[in-house]
Amino acid sequence: MTAQVISLGYALPHYQYAQNEIFKKLGYSKHFNRIFRESQIEQRYFCIPADEAMQLSFQQQQEIYLREAPLLAIEAIINCLDGRDPGCIGCLTYCSCTGFAPGPTVGHEIARRMGLRDDLIITNIASMGCEAGGMPGLKRAADYTEATGKPSLVVATELCSLTHFPEPNGADPTNSYELLRANAVFGDASSAALVGIDLQVEHPVIVDSLVYTNHKYHDKLGYKWQDGRLRVLLAKDVPECASEVAMEAVGRMLIKHNLLCHQIQHWIVHGAGMAVLDRIQEGLALKEDGLRWSREVLKTIGNVSSATVGITGKFLMDSGVPKEGDLGVIVTVGPGMSGGCSLLRWTA
């Protein structure tokens, strides 16, 4: 039997800020406000007050991550399960690139606090950036469910505010102001997906998943170590590179299954930024509202790394638009640079 996406859920931290408020707190010169405005993001959420996030040492960042990540992840899981018994879950995959749990992992902490079964298989996926929540997180969950028939759970929790890198002399111009550009888009969130087999048409079948990596862009996106802490790596041409690898992954999936773009009714694309979404929409010749949910998530929540596609999928599922026979595509982008693609079908 083929695995299905049974349910989706997400959670947002308590600290909510308008985009212009974040800009003011960062203390950048006024002429940089254009970058924040052009992001078209209206608000974002942080797990701690923005003022506090800017003052932390790397040690403090990790201590707060270990405190806050399990709380937000469990909230997302509860929202995802929507009253279902967590005791049925056989595999938990935890994805994150914004904090470190040297062991026990955050997955173990989630299992302990929720009282999950003692034979639960826990997989930790780290350092794969925005890609992890779709490929390979969803793929890991689907593989387990198809092999055992048991439900599995994939959780992506990103606390991007805890990777803030200090700029004591104002906006750091390194790599075309990569820190400033990152500070204009990233936020915090957790999303969860329950994967199982129930043959209900409203729960899409995960038909296939694949990934494409272009090693020419290896140093374009991710994190690097500097001064004993994480510093974001965000090349100025990421919109071009990211859209290229994403569209290549989509193209390979469509060819593999003898499909054309116009036959896909639903697009769950990682909202890396409006420029990336614009390029993908134009490159794939999608309808004007083809990336509606991706744009809505980016606008109202921001880019929350690997948690983004789960939230985008939840927006789609809650809309009630998908119907029997529809096809959907999940598209993610991450360091490497890799584009991930999963094909969904709404069918009994």
Foldseek 3Di string as FASTA:
>chain_A
DFKWFPWKFKFFADAKDFLVRLVVLQPAPPVLVVLLVQLLAGMAGANDDLNVLQVDDLVVLQVVCLVRQLVRQLVQVCRGCVPPDLQQAQEEEEEEAAYDDPPPDSQVVNCVVVVHDPNRHYHYHYQFKQFCLPPPQVVVQRVVCVVPQTKHKYKYWYRNSSQQDHDPPHQDCPQNSPNSSCSSFEHTMMMMTIMGDDQALLTWGFPDKDKDFDQVCQQAFGWDDDPRGTDTHHHPCCLVVQLVQQVVQVVVVCVVVVHALVQAQAEQEQCQTVSNVVSNCVVSVHDPCRCVLNVVCCRHHGRHINRRSSSSVNVVSVVVPDDAAHKYKYWTAGRSTMIMIIIIHRHD
